[in-house]
C-alpha atoms as a PDB file:
ATOM      1  CA  UNK A   1       4.714   7.858  -2.150  1.00  0.00           C
ATOM      2  CA  UNK A   2       3.158   5.455  -4.135  1.00  0.00           C
ATOM      3  CA  UNK A   3       4.683   4.388  -7.791  1.00  0.00           C
ATOM      4  CA  UNK A   4       2.506   4.105 -11.139  1.00  0.00           C
ATOM      5  CA  UNK A   5       3.664   2.707 -13.960  1.00  0.00           C
ATOM      6  CA  UNK A   6       2.304   5.305 -17.390  1.00  0.00           C
ATOM      7  CA  UNK A   7       2.170   2.825 -20.257  1.00  0.00           C
ATOM      8  CA  UNK A   8       1.002   5.744 -23.464  1.00  0.00           C
ATOM      9  CA  UNK A   9       0.836   5.024 -27.149  1.00  0.00           C
ATOM     10  CA  UNK A  10       1.729   8.967 -27.747  1.00  0.00           C
ATOM     11  CA  UNK A  11       3.801  10.113 -25.123  1.00  0.00           C
ATOM     12  CA  UNK A  12       4.137  13.551 -26.148  1.00  0.00           C
ATOM     13  CA  UNK A  13       0.701  14.137 -26.494  1.00  0.00           C
ATOM     14  CA  UNK A  14      -0.357  12.866 -22.964  1.00  0.00           C
ATOM     15  CA  UNK A  15       2.674  14.929 -21.302  1.00  0.00           C
ATOM     16  CA  UNK A  16       0.677  17.443 -19.818  1.00  0.00           C
ATOM     17  CA  UNK A  17      -1.756  14.845 -17.904  1.00  0.00           C
ATOM     18  CA  UNK A  18       1.250  13.006 -17.094  1.00  0.00           C
ATOM     19  CA  UNK A  19       2.913  15.947 -15.231  1.00  0.00           C
ATOM     20  CA  UNK A  20      -0.319  16.701 -13.196  1.00  0.00           C
ATOM     21  CA  UNK A  21      -0.444  13.246 -11.953  1.00  0.00           C
ATOM     22  CA  UNK A  22       3.412  13.281 -10.537  1.00  0.00           C
ATOM     23  CA  UNK A  23       2.281  15.874  -7.744  1.00  0.00           C
ATOM     24  CA  UNK A  24       0.826  12.994  -6.204  1.00  0.00           C
ATOM     25  CA  UNK A  25       2.469  10.188  -7.270  1.00  0.00           C
ATOM     26  CA  UNK A  26       5.669   8.733  -8.095  1.00  0.00           C
ATOM     27  CA  UNK A  27       5.567   8.589 -11.936  1.00  0.00           C
ATOM     28  CA  UNK A  28       7.417   6.201 -14.583  1.00  0.00           C
ATOM     29  CA  UNK A  29       6.014   6.736 -17.674  1.00  0.00           C
ATOM     30  CA  UNK A  30       6.771   4.549 -20.755  1.00  0.00           C
ATOM     31  CA  UNK A  31       6.055   4.116 -24.379  1.00  0.00           C
ATOM     32  CA  UNK A  32       3.269   1.500 -25.030  1.00  0.00           C
ATOM     33  CA  UNK A  33       5.458  -0.220 -27.776  1.00  0.00           C
ATOM     34  CA  UNK A  34       8.491  -0.694 -25.565  1.00  0.00           C
ATOM     35  CA  UNK A  35       6.134  -1.499 -22.414  1.00  0.00           C
ATOM     36  CA  UNK A  36       7.923  -4.784 -20.649  1.00  0.00           C
ATOM     37  CA  UNK A  37       5.780  -7.365 -18.545  1.00  0.00           C
ATOM     38  CA  UNK A  38       6.931  -8.793 -15.445  1.00  0.00           C
ATOM     39  CA  UNK A  39      10.271  -7.978 -14.211  1.00  0.00           C
ATOM     40  CA  UNK A  40       9.110  -4.042 -14.659  1.00  0.00           C
ATOM     41  CA  UNK A  41       5.770  -4.016 -13.717  1.00  0.00           C
ATOM     42  CA  UNK A  42       6.194  -5.979 -10.087  1.00  0.00           C
ATOM     43  CA  UNK A  43       8.043  -2.757  -9.342  1.00  0.00           C
ATOM     44  CA  UNK A  44       4.815  -0.557  -9.372  1.00  0.00           C
ATOM     45  CA  UNK A  45       1.542  -0.259  -7.088  1.00  0.00           C
ATOM     46  CA  UNK A  46      -0.803   1.085  -9.998  1.00  0.00           C
ATOM     47  CA  UNK A  47      -1.025   0.849 -13.711  1.00  0.00           C
ATOM     48  CA  UNK A  48      -2.246   3.853 -16.112  1.00  0.00           C
ATOM     49  CA  UNK A  49      -2.271   3.049 -19.807  1.00  0.00           C
ATOM     50  CA  UNK A  50      -3.165   5.910 -21.757  1.00  0.00           C
ATOM     51  CA  UNK A  51      -4.338   4.978 -25.623  1.00  0.00           C
ATOM     52  CA  UNK A  52      -5.881   7.245 -28.377  1.00  0.00           C
ATOM     53  CA  UNK A  53      -7.162   4.097 -30.305  1.00  0.00           C
ATOM     54  CA  UNK A  54      -8.711   0.754 -29.558  1.00  0.00           C
ATOM     55  CA  UNK A  55      -6.466  -2.392 -30.083  1.00  0.00           C
ATOM     56  CA  UNK A  56      -5.913  -5.895 -29.440  1.00  0.00           C
ATOM     57  CA  UNK A  57      -2.312  -5.368 -28.359  1.00  0.00           C
ATOM     58  CA  UNK A  58      -3.950  -3.137 -25.599  1.00  0.00           C
ATOM     59  CA  UNK A  59      -5.980  -6.127 -24.223  1.00  0.00           C
ATOM     60  CA  UNK A  60      -2.935  -8.394 -24.589  1.00  0.00           C
ATOM     61  CA  UNK A  61      -0.890  -6.118 -22.402  1.00  0.00           C
ATOM     62  CA  UNK A  62      -3.896  -5.866 -19.980  1.00  0.00           C
ATOM     63  CA  UNK A  63      -3.800  -9.577 -19.604  1.00  0.00           C
ATOM     64  CA  UNK A  64       0.046  -9.674 -19.202  1.00  0.00           C
ATOM     65  CA  UNK A  65      -0.078  -7.537 -16.097  1.00  0.00           C
ATOM     66  CA  UNK A  66      -2.766  -8.957 -14.731  1.00  0.00           C
ATOM     67  CA  UNK A  67      -1.179 -12.478 -14.534  1.00  0.00           C
ATOM     68  CA  UNK A  68       2.107 -11.270 -12.789  1.00  0.00           C
ATOM     69  CA  UNK A  69       0.707  -8.502 -10.707  1.00  0.00           C
ATOM     70  CA  UNK A  70      -1.913  -7.167  -8.363  1.00  0.00           C
ATOM     71  CA  UNK A  71      -1.617  -4.029  -9.182  1.00  0.00           C
ATOM     72  CA  UNK A  72      -4.862  -2.028  -9.809  1.00  0.00           C
ATOM     73  CA  UNK A  73      -5.093  -1.314 -13.515  1.00  0.00           C
ATOM     74  CA  UNK A  74      -6.677   2.241 -15.000  1.00  0.00           C
ATOM     75  CA  UNK A  75      -7.293   2.122 -18.924  1.00  0.00           C
ATOM     76  CA  UNK A  76      -7.972   5.603 -20.879  1.00  0.00           C
ATOM     77  CA  UNK A  77      -9.625   5.567 -23.828  1.00  0.00           C
ATOM     78  CA  UNK A  78     -11.332   8.678 -25.335  1.00  0.00           C
ATOM     79  CA  UNK A  79     -14.606   7.917 -26.845  1.00  0.00           C
ATOM     80  CA  UNK A  80     -14.475   3.894 -26.131  1.00  0.00           C
ATOM     81  CA  UNK A  81     -17.720   2.083 -26.312  1.00  0.00           C
ATOM     82  CA  UNK A  82     -16.546  -1.660 -25.573  1.00  0.00           C
ATOM     83  CA  UNK A  83     -15.561  -1.256 -21.634  1.00  0.00           C
ATOM     84  CA  UNK A  84     -16.653  -4.853 -21.056  1.00  0.00           C
ATOM     85  CA  UNK A  85     -14.150  -6.420 -22.986  1.00  0.00           C
ATOM     86  CA  UNK A  86     -11.121  -4.544 -21.080  1.00  0.00           C
ATOM     87  CA  UNK A  87     -12.535  -5.234 -17.844  1.00  0.00           C
ATOM     88  CA  UNK A  88     -12.871  -8.838 -18.907  1.00  0.00           C
ATOM     89  CA  UNK A  89      -9.247  -8.690 -19.792  1.00  0.00           C
ATOM     90  CA  UNK A  90      -8.433  -7.496 -16.447  1.00  0.00           C
ATOM     91  CA  UNK A  91      -8.487  -3.798 -16.411  1.00  0.00           C
ATOM     92  CA  UNK A  92      -9.617  -2.462 -13.083  1.00  0.00           C
ATOM     93  CA  UNK A  93     -11.822   0.749 -14.337  1.00  0.00           C
ATOM     94  CA  UNK A  94     -12.058   2.031 -17.981  1.00  0.00           C
ATOM     95  CA  UNK A  95     -13.340   5.331 -18.970  1.00  0.00           C
ATOM     96  CA  UNK A  96     -13.270   8.085 -21.496  1.00  0.00           C
ATOM     97  CA  UNK A  97     -12.343  11.261 -20.110  1.00  0.00           C
ATOM     98  CA  UNK A  98      -9.124  11.699 -19.317  1.00  0.00           C
ATOM     99  CA  UNK A  99      -8.654  13.907 -15.973  1.00  0.00           C
ATOM    100  CA  UNK A 100      -5.800  14.735 -13.571  1.00  0.00           C
ATOM    101  CA  UNK A 101      -8.448  14.666 -10.684  1.00  0.00           C
ATOM    102  CA  UNK A 102     -10.681  12.156 -11.657  1.00  0.00           C
ATOM    103  CA  UNK A 103      -7.517   9.958 -12.150  1.00  0.00           C
ATOM    104  CA  UNK A 104      -6.362  10.561  -8.726  1.00  0.00           C
ATOM    105  CA  UNK A 105      -9.358   9.903  -6.953  1.00  0.00           C
ATOM    106  CA  UNK A 106      -9.564   6.572  -8.628  1.00  0.00           C
ATOM    107  CA  UNK A 107      -5.854   5.449  -7.780  1.00  0.00           C
ATOM    108  CA  UNK A 108      -6.500   6.282  -4.228  1.00  0.00           C
ATOM    109  CA  UNK A 109      -9.538   4.624  -4.257  1.00  0.00           C
ATOM    110  CA  UNK A 110      -8.000   1.536  -6.238  1.00  0.00           C
ATOM    111  CA  UNK A 111      -5.003   1.349  -4.233  1.00  0.00           C
ATOM    112  CA  UNK A 112      -6.679   1.666  -0.809  1.00  0.00           C
ATOM    113  CA  UNK A 113      -8.912  -1.537  -2.043  1.00  0.00           C
ATOM    114  CA  UNK A 114      -5.620  -3.125  -2.479  1.00  0.00           C
ATOM    115  CA  UNK A 115      -4.218  -3.021   0.634  1.00  0.00           C
ATOM    116  CA  UNK A 116      -7.292  -3.917   2.391  1.00  0.00           C
ATOM    117  CA  UNK A 117      -6.989  -6.983   0.261  1.00  0.00           C
ATOM    118  CA  UNK A 118      -3.506  -7.807   1.461  1.00  0.00           C
ATOM    119  CA  UNK A 119      -4.004  -7.334   4.697  1.00  0.00           C
ATOM    120  CA  UNK A 120      -7.275  -8.614   5.966  1.00  0.00           C
ATOM    121  CA  UNK A 121      -8.664 -10.405   2.632  1.00  0.00           C
ATOM    122  CA  UNK A 122      -6.177 -13.027   2.094  1.00  0.00           C
ATOM    123  CA  UNK A 123      -6.502 -14.203   5.766  1.00  0.00           C
ATOM    124  CA  UNK A 124     -10.122 -14.680   5.432  1.00  0.00           C
ATOM    125  CA  UNK A 125      -9.435 -16.784   2.172  1.00  0.00           C
ATOM    126  CA  UNK A 126      -6.589 -18.974   3.864  1.00  0.00           C
ATOM    127  CA  UNK A 127      -6.454 -22.038   1.663  1.00  0.00           C
ATOM    128  CA  UNK A 128      -6.468 -25.262   3.468  1.00  0.00           C
ATOM    129  CA  UNK A 129      -4.231 -27.129   1.447  1.00  0.00           C
ATOM    130  CA  UNK A 130      -2.031 -25.534  -1.991  1.00  0.00           C
ATOM    131  CA  UNK A 131      -0.160 -27.539  -4.529  1.00  0.00           C
ATOM    132  CA  UNK A 132       2.316 -25.913  -6.831  1.00  0.00           C
ATOM    133  CA  UNK A 133       4.410 -28.254  -9.308  1.00  0.00           C
ATOM    134  CA  UNK A 134       6.100 -30.836  -6.836  1.00  0.00           C
ATOM    135  CA  UNK A 135       5.530 -28.626  -3.849  1.00  0.00           C
ATOM    136  CA  UNK A 136       2.838 -29.726  -1.840  1.00  0.00           C
ATOM    137  CA  UNK A 137       1.833 -27.222   1.346  1.00  0.00           C
ATOM    138  CA  UNK A 138      -0.771 -28.419   3.925  1.00  0.00           C
ATOM    139  CA  UNK A 139      -1.582 -25.885   6.192  1.00  0.00           C
ATOM    140  CA  UNK A 140      -3.977 -28.071   8.635  1.00  0.00           C
ATOM    141  CA  UNK A 141      -0.859 -29.922   9.707  1.00  0.00           C
ATOM    142  CA  UNK A 142       1.901 -27.408   8.614  1.00  0.00           C
ATOM    143  CA  UNK A 143       3.715 -29.861   6.685  1.00  0.00           C
ATOM    144  CA  UNK A 144       5.324 -29.051   3.368  1.00  0.00           C
ATOM    145  CA  UNK A 145       6.212 -31.682   0.865  1.00  0.00           C
ATOM    146  CA  UNK A 146       8.627 -31.772  -2.309  1.00  0.00           C
ATOM    147  CA  UNK A 147       7.286 -34.507  -4.345  1.00  0.00           C
ATOM    148  CA  UNK A 148       6.501 -37.294  -1.930  1.00  0.00           C
ATOM    149  CA  UNK A 149       9.139 -36.168   0.561  1.00  0.00           C
ATOM    150  CA  UNK A 150       8.142 -34.202   3.803  1.00  0.00           C
ATOM    151  CA  UNK A 151      10.432 -31.009   3.910  1.00  0.00           C
ATOM    152  CA  UNK A 152      10.514 -31.827   7.796  1.00  0.00           C
ATOM    153  CA  UNK A 153      13.564 -29.237   8.522  1.00  0.00           C
ATOM    154  CA  UNK A 154      11.825 -26.018   7.827  1.00  0.00           C
ATOM    155  CA  UNK A 155      10.821 -24.111  10.752  1.00  0.00           C
ATOM    156  CA  UNK A 156       7.450 -22.251  10.915  1.00  0.00           C
ATOM    157  CA  UNK A 157       8.454 -19.052   9.188  1.00  0.00           C
ATOM    158  CA  UNK A 158      10.106 -20.838   6.610  1.00  0.00           C
ATOM    159  CA  UNK A 159       6.506 -22.976   6.016  1.00  0.00           C
ATOM    160  CA  UNK A 160       4.424 -19.832   6.013  1.00  0.00           C
ATOM    161  CA  UNK A 161       6.924 -17.749   3.523  1.00  0.00           C
ATOM    162  CA  UNK A 162       6.216 -20.851   0.810  1.00  0.00           C
ATOM    163  CA  UNK A 163       2.783 -20.464   1.622  1.00  0.00           C
ATOM    164  CA  UNK A 164       2.595 -16.806   0.956  1.00  0.00           C
ATOM    165  CA  UNK A 165       4.252 -17.379  -2.744  1.00  0.00           C
ATOM    166  CA  UNK A 166       1.996 -20.511  -3.349  1.00  0.00           C
ATOM    167  CA  UNK A 167      -1.149 -18.452  -2.314  1.00  0.00           C
ATOM    168  CA  UNK A 168       0.145 -15.771  -4.633  1.00  0.00           C
ATOM    169  CA  UNK A 169       0.707 -17.914  -7.707  1.00  0.00           C
ATOM    170  CA  UNK A 170       2.910 -16.641 -10.137  1.00  0.00           C
ATOM    171  CA  UNK A 171       2.415 -13.117  -8.635  1.00  0.00           C
ATOM    172  CA  UNK A 172       5.303 -11.247  -7.273  1.00  0.00           C
ATOM    173  CA  UNK A 173       5.273 -10.992  -3.103  1.00  0.00           C
ATOM    174  CA  UNK A 174       6.954  -7.817  -2.368  1.00  0.00           C
ATOM    175  CA  UNK A 175       9.577  -7.845   0.356  1.00  0.00           C
ATOM    176  CA  UNK A 176       7.332  -5.152   2.266  1.00  0.00           C
ATOM    177  CA  UNK A 177       4.536  -7.939   2.434  1.00  0.00           C
ATOM    178  CA  UNK A 178       6.742 -10.450   3.275  1.00  0.00           C
ATOM    179  CA  UNK A 179       8.364  -8.576   5.794  1.00  0.00           C
ATOM    180  CA  UNK A 180       5.029  -7.518   7.517  1.00  0.00           C
ATOM    181  CA  UNK A 181       3.489 -10.779   7.101  1.00  0.00           C
ATOM    182  CA  UNK A 182       6.162 -12.829   8.651  1.00  0.00           C
ATOM    183  CA  UNK A 183       8.107 -10.868  11.129  1.00  0.00           C
ATOM    184  CA  UNK A 184       4.993  -9.001  12.055  1.00  0.00           C
ATOM    185  CA  UNK A 185       7.030  -5.382  12.090  1.00  0.00           C
ATOM    186  CA  UNK A 186       7.160  -2.406  10.180  1.00  0.00           C
ATOM    187  CA  UNK A 187       9.672  -3.011   7.105  1.00  0.00           C
ATOM    188  CA  UNK A 188      12.613  -0.880   7.853  1.00  0.00           C
ATOM    189  CA  UNK A 189      16.098  -0.266   6.195  1.00  0.00           C
ATOM    190  CA  UNK A 190      17.564  -3.612   6.953  1.00  0.00           C
ATOM    191  CA  UNK A 191      14.753  -5.552   6.600  1.00  0.00           C
ATOM    192  CA  UNK A 192      15.528  -6.424   2.702  1.00  0.00           C
ATOM    193  CA  UNK A 193      18.961  -7.908   3.746  1.00  0.00           C
ATOM    194  CA  UNK A 194      17.008  -9.965   6.245  1.00  0.00           C
ATOM    195  CA  UNK A 195      14.999 -11.418   3.743  1.00  0.00           C
ATOM    196  CA  UNK A 196      17.905 -12.515   1.922  1.00  0.00           C
ATOM    197  CA  UNK A 197      19.427 -14.057   4.393  1.00  0.00           C
ATOM    198  CA  UNK A 198      16.283 -15.801   5.388  1.00  0.00           C
ATOM    199  CA  UNK A 199      15.866 -17.103   1.656  1.00  0.00           C
ATOM    200  CA  UNK A 200      19.507 -18.093   1.333  1.00  0.00           C
ATOM    201  CA  UNK A 201      19.015 -20.341   4.407  1.00  0.00           C
ATOM    202  CA  UNK A 202      15.442 -21.556   3.083  1.00  0.00           C
ATOM    203  CA  UNK A 203      16.903 -22.481  -0.269  1.00  0.00           C
ATOM    204  CA  UNK A 204      19.941 -24.629   1.044  1.00  0.00           C
ATOM    205  CA  UNK A 205      17.596 -26.671   3.156  1.00  0.00           C
ATOM    206  CA  UNK A 206      15.802 -27.610   0.412  1.00  0.00           C
ATOM    207  CA  UNK A 207      18.538 -28.374  -1.777  1.00  0.00           C
ATOM    208  CA  UNK A 208      19.290 -30.806   0.287  1.00  0.00           C
ATOM    209  CA  UNK A 209      15.983 -32.683  -0.221  1.00  0.00           C
ATOM    210  CA  UNK A 210      16.418 -32.190  -4.114  1.00  0.00           C
ATOM    211  CA  UNK A 211      18.520 -29.639  -5.776  1.00  0.00           C
ATOM    212  CA  UNK A 212      15.340 -28.374  -8.008  1.00  0.00           C
ATOM    213  CA  UNK A 213      13.393 -28.040  -5.163  1.00  0.00           C
ATOM    214  CA  UNK A 214      15.362 -24.499  -4.339  1.00  0.00           C
ATOM    215  CA  UNK A 215      14.972 -23.026  -7.631  1.00  0.00           C
ATOM    216  CA  UNK A 216      11.454 -22.693  -7.703  1.00  0.00           C
ATOM    217  CA  UNK A 217      11.819 -19.520  -5.348  1.00  0.00           C
ATOM    218  CA  UNK A 218      13.196 -16.772  -7.658  1.00  0.00           C
ATOM    219  CA  UNK A 219      13.488 -13.008  -6.936  1.00  0.00           C
ATOM    220  CA  UNK A 220      12.950 -10.010  -8.572  1.00  0.00           C
ATOM    221  CA  UNK A 221      16.136  -7.551  -7.594  1.00  0.00           C
ATOM    222  CA  UNK A 222      14.664  -4.698  -4.892  1.00  0.00           C
ATOM    223  CA  UNK A 223      11.179  -6.192  -5.292  1.00  0.00           C
ATOM    224  CA  UNK A 224      10.184  -9.545  -3.816  1.00  0.00           C
ATOM    225  CA  UNK A 225       9.941 -13.196  -4.793  1.00  0.00           C
ATOM    226  CA  UNK A 226       7.860 -15.479  -6.636  1.00  0.00           C
ATOM    227  CA  UNK A 227       7.456 -19.315  -7.415  1.00  0.00           C
ATOM    228  CA  UNK A 228       8.727 -20.358 -10.623  1.00  0.00           C
ATOM    229  CA  UNK A 229       5.725 -23.166 -11.053  1.00  0.00           C
ATOM    230  CA  UNK A 230       6.182 -23.671 -14.741  1.00  0.00           C
ATOM    231  CA  UNK A 231      10.082 -25.033 -14.536  1.00  0.00           C
ATOM    232  CA  UNK A 232       9.907 -27.064 -11.336  1.00  0.00           C
END
């Protein structure tokens, strides 16, 4: 069952709608005032924002979600007129009429599109070269550099892992996507542990080139990995 994070400005007043959505989704409801970015959002497949009043804070939260997640964002604001600005900030859909059946329909459509983008679309958009901080990946020759030094000890799966994270920019790549992309097998009970061991070996290799190099790979517990390009 897909996980949906519901952020509401008045949780009690949206309770009936939220309860209706739980028949189709694994929902977590939080108050908009305590809504946190990144480590929380990365766990969810979609984000639903339910608000009764327009505010700049909502725009900032949408923008923050979009910096760290590919999750579809749906915004419901009764009577809203300025739909365009929320789309520009990063929302996928904005509409004024809250309805369980309508939200379910849109969630199914957006999540299907999101899955297709990961499984097929990204292959067509493969970049030949990606540079993130000191990390440079030249996919034409399957070479990886840290600064001016080539990381010659990396195997093809390790290079592909770094490419996958670099191509995702600052967004978290989930364990499921990593395993299915690199191992070409369905994600299973032991897959997360296999990835953890794999990343541990990769970090040790990168440390031998430069201690700071391994720190570019950061993890979100029970979720996935991302590149910390701001510090390294």
